[in-house]
Amino acid sequence: MDKQLQPHEFVAIKEQVIILNKAFNSVNDKNVKAVVQADVVETVKGILPDIEIATDFLNQLPEIATSRQRAESAFK
């Protein structure tokens, strides 16, 4: 049985992407970006119900993180 995302889970994932996007756009230190990205990945893995779905989404994170437009379009 497939589990659907609940509204609070969707909002939590969206907030994590916003955090990642802001970090990538405002921080110059590669180590800080890596730590923020690792934290976001772990948080999203805990929220998404299926490993395959989580992997697909997480593979898009670096691309989503660099552009606010891409981040917003990921949730439409």
N, C-alpha and C. Protein backbone atom coordinates (compact mmCIF):
# COMPACT_ATOMS: atom_id res chain seq x y z
N MET A 1 0.84 -1.18 0.00
CA MET A 1 0.00 0.00 0.00
C MET A 1 0.89 1.25 0.00
N ASP A 2 0.65 2.13 -0.96
CA ASP A 2 1.43 3.35 -1.06
C ASP A 2 0.91 4.40 -0.08
N LYS A 3 1.83 5.00 0.59
CA LYS A 3 1.47 6.06 1.54
C LYS A 3 1.53 7.39 0.81
N GLN A 4 0.50 8.19 0.98
CA GLN A 4 0.50 9.52 0.40
C GLN A 4 1.08 10.51 1.40
N LEU A 5 1.68 11.56 0.84
CA LEU A 5 2.19 12.61 1.71
C LEU A 5 1.03 13.36 2.35
N GLN A 6 1.17 13.61 3.62
CA GLN A 6 0.21 14.43 4.33
C GLN A 6 0.59 15.90 4.11
N PRO A 7 -0.35 16.80 4.27
CA PRO A 7 -0.03 18.22 4.05
C PRO A 7 1.14 18.72 4.88
N HIS A 8 1.22 18.30 6.14
CA HIS A 8 2.34 18.76 6.98
C HIS A 8 3.68 18.21 6.49
N GLU A 9 3.68 17.01 5.89
CA GLU A 9 4.91 16.45 5.33
C GLU A 9 5.35 17.23 4.09
N PHE A 10 4.38 17.56 3.25
CA PHE A 10 4.67 18.36 2.06
C PHE A 10 5.28 19.70 2.45
N VAL A 11 4.68 20.36 3.43
CA VAL A 11 5.16 21.66 3.88
C VAL A 11 6.57 21.52 4.47
N ALA A 12 6.81 20.46 5.22
CA ALA A 12 8.13 20.25 5.81
C ALA A 12 9.20 20.07 4.74
N ILE A 13 8.89 19.32 3.70
CA ILE A 13 9.84 19.12 2.60
C ILE A 13 10.06 20.44 1.87
N LYS A 14 9.00 21.16 1.63
CA LYS A 14 9.12 22.45 0.95
C LYS A 14 10.00 23.41 1.76
N GLU A 15 9.83 23.43 3.07
CA GLU A 15 10.64 24.29 3.93
C GLU A 15 12.12 23.88 3.86
N GLN A 16 12.38 22.59 3.79
CA GLN A 16 13.76 22.12 3.69
C GLN A 16 14.40 22.57 2.38
N VAL A 17 13.64 22.53 1.30
CA VAL A 17 14.16 22.98 0.01
C VAL A 17 14.43 24.49 0.05
N ILE A 18 13.57 25.24 0.71
CA ILE A 18 13.79 26.69 0.84
C ILE A 18 15.07 26.95 1.64
N ILE A 19 15.28 26.20 2.71
CA ILE A 19 16.50 26.35 3.50
C ILE A 19 17.73 26.07 2.64
N LEU A 20 17.67 25.00 1.88
CA LEU A 20 18.79 24.64 1.01
C LEU A 20 19.03 25.70 -0.05
N ASN A 21 17.95 26.19 -0.64
CA ASN A 21 18.07 27.23 -1.67
C ASN A 21 18.70 28.49 -1.10
N LYS A 22 18.26 28.91 0.07
CA LYS A 22 18.82 30.11 0.70
C LYS A 22 20.30 29.92 1.03
N ALA A 23 20.66 28.73 1.51
CA ALA A 23 22.06 28.46 1.83
C ALA A 23 22.93 28.51 0.58
N PHE A 24 22.46 27.91 -0.50
CA PHE A 24 23.25 27.89 -1.73
C PHE A 24 23.38 29.28 -2.33
N ASN A 25 22.41 30.13 -2.10
CA ASN A 25 22.45 31.48 -2.68
C ASN A 25 23.14 32.51 -1.78
N SER A 26 23.33 32.20 -0.52
CA SER A 26 23.89 33.21 0.37
C SER A 26 25.23 32.83 1.01
N VAL A 27 25.61 31.57 0.94
CA VAL A 27 26.82 31.10 1.59
C VAL A 27 27.87 30.77 0.54
N ASN A 28 29.11 31.18 0.79
CA ASN A 28 30.19 30.89 -0.14
C ASN A 28 31.01 29.67 0.25
N ASP A 29 30.99 29.29 1.50
CA ASP A 29 31.80 28.18 1.98
C ASP A 29 31.21 26.84 1.53
N LYS A 30 32.02 26.07 0.80
CA LYS A 30 31.56 24.77 0.30
C LYS A 30 31.22 23.81 1.43
N ASN A 31 31.96 23.90 2.52
CA ASN A 31 31.71 23.00 3.65
C ASN A 31 30.36 23.28 4.30
N VAL A 32 30.01 24.54 4.43
CA VAL A 32 28.71 24.90 4.99
C VAL A 32 27.59 24.42 4.08
N LYS A 33 27.76 24.62 2.78
CA LYS A 33 26.75 24.14 1.82
C LYS A 33 26.59 22.63 1.91
N ALA A 34 27.69 21.92 2.05
CA ALA A 34 27.65 20.45 2.14
C ALA A 34 26.92 20.01 3.41
N VAL A 35 27.16 20.69 4.52
CA VAL A 35 26.51 20.34 5.78
C VAL A 35 25.00 20.61 5.69
N VAL A 36 24.64 21.76 5.15
CA VAL A 36 23.22 22.08 5.00
C VAL A 36 22.55 21.06 4.09
N GLN A 37 23.21 20.72 2.97
CA GLN A 37 22.63 19.75 2.05
C GLN A 37 22.48 18.38 2.71
N ALA A 38 23.48 17.95 3.47
CA ALA A 38 23.40 16.67 4.16
C ALA A 38 22.25 16.66 5.18
N ASP A 39 22.07 17.76 5.88
CA ASP A 39 20.98 17.86 6.85
C ASP A 39 19.62 17.79 6.15
N VAL A 40 19.51 18.50 5.04
CA VAL A 40 18.25 18.47 4.28
C VAL A 40 17.97 17.07 3.75
N VAL A 41 19.00 16.41 3.24
CA VAL A 41 18.83 15.05 2.72
C VAL A 41 18.32 14.11 3.80
N GLU A 42 18.92 14.17 4.98
CA GLU A 42 18.49 13.29 6.07
C GLU A 42 17.06 13.60 6.51
N THR A 43 16.72 14.86 6.56
CA THR A 43 15.36 15.25 6.96
C THR A 43 14.34 14.76 5.94
N VAL A 44 14.63 14.96 4.66
CA VAL A 44 13.70 14.54 3.61
C VAL A 44 13.58 13.02 3.56
N LYS A 45 14.69 12.31 3.76
CA LYS A 45 14.62 10.84 3.78
C LYS A 45 13.69 10.36 4.89
N GLY A 46 13.68 11.06 6.01
CA GLY A 46 12.80 10.69 7.12
C GLY A 46 11.34 10.97 6.85
N ILE A 47 11.06 11.88 5.91
CA ILE A 47 9.68 12.26 5.63
C ILE A 47 9.09 11.45 4.48
N LEU A 48 9.86 11.27 3.41
CA LEU A 48 9.32 10.60 2.22
C LEU A 48 9.06 9.12 2.51
N PRO A 49 7.90 8.62 2.06
CA PRO A 49 7.46 7.29 2.44
C PRO A 49 8.18 6.14 1.72
N ASP A 50 8.74 6.39 0.56
CA ASP A 50 9.28 5.32 -0.27
C ASP A 50 10.72 5.65 -0.65
N ILE A 51 11.60 4.68 -0.55
CA ILE A 51 13.01 4.89 -0.86
C ILE A 51 13.19 5.32 -2.32
N GLU A 52 12.45 4.73 -3.23
CA GLU A 52 12.57 5.08 -4.65
C GLU A 52 12.16 6.53 -4.90
N ILE A 53 11.06 6.94 -4.31
CA ILE A 53 10.60 8.33 -4.44
C ILE A 53 11.62 9.27 -3.81
N ALA A 54 12.12 8.91 -2.65
CA ALA A 54 13.12 9.74 -1.96
C ALA A 54 14.37 9.89 -2.82
N THR A 55 14.83 8.79 -3.42
CA THR A 55 16.04 8.83 -4.25
C THR A 55 15.83 9.72 -5.46
N ASP A 56 14.68 9.60 -6.11
CA ASP A 56 14.38 10.45 -7.28
C ASP A 56 14.38 11.92 -6.88
N PHE A 57 13.75 12.24 -5.79
CA PHE A 57 13.68 13.63 -5.34
C PHE A 57 15.05 14.15 -4.94
N LEU A 58 15.79 13.35 -4.19
CA LEU A 58 17.09 13.78 -3.69
C LEU A 58 18.11 13.94 -4.82
N ASN A 59 17.95 13.19 -5.90
CA ASN A 59 18.83 13.35 -7.05
C ASN A 59 18.65 14.72 -7.71
N GLN A 60 17.49 15.31 -7.53
CA GLN A 60 17.19 16.62 -8.11
C GLN A 60 17.60 17.78 -7.20
N LEU A 61 17.95 17.49 -5.96
CA LEU A 61 18.23 18.56 -5.00
C LEU A 61 19.32 19.54 -5.42
N PRO A 62 20.48 19.08 -5.90
CA PRO A 62 21.50 20.07 -6.29
C PRO A 62 21.01 21.04 -7.37
N GLU A 63 20.24 20.53 -8.31
CA GLU A 63 19.67 21.37 -9.36
C GLU A 63 18.63 22.33 -8.79
N ILE A 64 17.79 21.83 -7.91
CA ILE A 64 16.74 22.64 -7.30
C ILE A 64 17.35 23.71 -6.40
N ALA A 65 18.43 23.37 -5.71
CA ALA A 65 19.02 24.27 -4.73
C ALA A 65 19.60 25.53 -5.35
N THR A 66 20.01 25.47 -6.60
CA THR A 66 20.69 26.61 -7.20
C THR A 66 19.75 27.66 -7.75
N SER A 67 18.47 27.35 -7.91
CA SER A 67 17.55 28.29 -8.52
C SER A 67 16.22 28.32 -7.78
N ARG A 68 15.77 29.48 -7.43
CA ARG A 68 14.48 29.62 -6.74
C ARG A 68 13.33 29.20 -7.66
N GLN A 69 13.45 29.51 -8.95
CA GLN A 69 12.40 29.12 -9.90
C GLN A 69 12.29 27.61 -9.98
N ARG A 70 13.43 26.92 -10.01
CA ARG A 70 13.39 25.46 -10.05
C ARG A 70 12.82 24.89 -8.76
N ALA A 71 13.15 25.53 -7.64
CA ALA A 71 12.63 25.06 -6.36
C ALA A 71 11.11 25.21 -6.33
N GLU A 72 10.61 26.35 -6.81
CA GLU A 72 9.16 26.57 -6.81
C GLU A 72 8.46 25.63 -7.79
N SER A 73 9.07 25.38 -8.94
CA SER A 73 8.43 24.50 -9.93
C SER A 73 8.44 23.04 -9.48
N ALA A 74 9.34 22.68 -8.58
CA ALA A 74 9.39 21.31 -8.09
C ALA A 74 8.16 20.96 -7.26
N PHE A 75 7.46 21.98 -6.76
CA PHE A 75 6.31 21.75 -5.90
C PHE A 75 4.98 22.05 -6.58
N LYS A 76 5.01 22.16 -7.88
CA LYS A 76 3.74 22.40 -8.60
C LYS A 76 3.19 21.11 -9.14
